[in-house]
Protein backbone atom coordinates (compact mmCIF):
# COMPACT_ATOMS: atom_id res chain seq x y z
CA MET A 1 13.58 40.41 -9.16
CA ASN A 2 12.80 41.73 -6.15
CA LYS A 3 9.09 42.20 -4.67
CA ASN A 4 9.07 45.95 -5.95
CA GLN A 5 10.17 45.41 -9.39
CA ILE A 6 7.79 42.72 -10.00
CA PHE A 7 5.06 44.71 -8.69
CA SER A 8 6.41 47.78 -10.97
CA ALA A 9 5.84 45.63 -13.92
CA ILE A 10 2.37 43.92 -12.91
CA LYS A 11 1.45 47.60 -12.55
CA ARG A 12 2.83 48.73 -16.27
CA GLY A 13 1.12 45.14 -17.37
CA PHE A 14 -2.01 46.82 -16.48
CA GLU A 15 -1.57 49.72 -18.00
CA ILE A 16 -0.51 48.35 -21.33
CA SER A 17 -2.28 45.20 -21.46
CA GLY A 18 -5.10 45.57 -19.27
CA ILE A 19 -6.39 43.16 -16.98
CA ASN A 20 -7.55 40.40 -18.54
CA ALA A 21 -4.20 40.20 -20.85
CA LEU A 22 -2.28 40.10 -17.80
CA SER A 23 -4.59 37.47 -16.11
CA MET A 24 -4.57 34.99 -18.87
CA ALA A 25 -0.55 35.54 -18.38
CA ALA A 26 -0.25 34.80 -15.07
CA GLY A 27 -2.71 31.76 -15.08
CA SER A 28 -2.76 31.56 -11.38
CA PRO A 29 -6.00 31.91 -9.96
CA SER A 30 -4.36 32.66 -6.76
CA VAL A 31 -2.49 35.64 -8.08
CA ASN A 32 -5.09 36.74 -10.64
CA LYS A 33 -7.38 36.82 -7.22
CA ALA A 34 -5.12 39.07 -4.90
CA LEU A 35 -3.98 41.60 -8.18
CA GLN A 36 -8.34 41.94 -8.46
CA GLU A 37 -8.33 42.79 -5.08
CA MET A 38 -5.39 44.82 -4.81
CA ILE A 39 -6.81 47.14 -8.29
CA ASP A 40 -10.24 47.14 -6.40
CA GLU A 41 -8.82 48.77 -3.43
CA GLN A 42 -7.12 51.53 -5.37
CA ARG A 43 -10.60 52.34 -6.56
């Protein structure tokens, strides 16, 4: 998968499951932090 596909899958995951479920699935603090910052920027 390229980065765009991963990004799209992540965004779909947020829409479907919400941030907590996706964070638990990701299991990586650095990934979770980056995703949280990305979401904060979009608000």
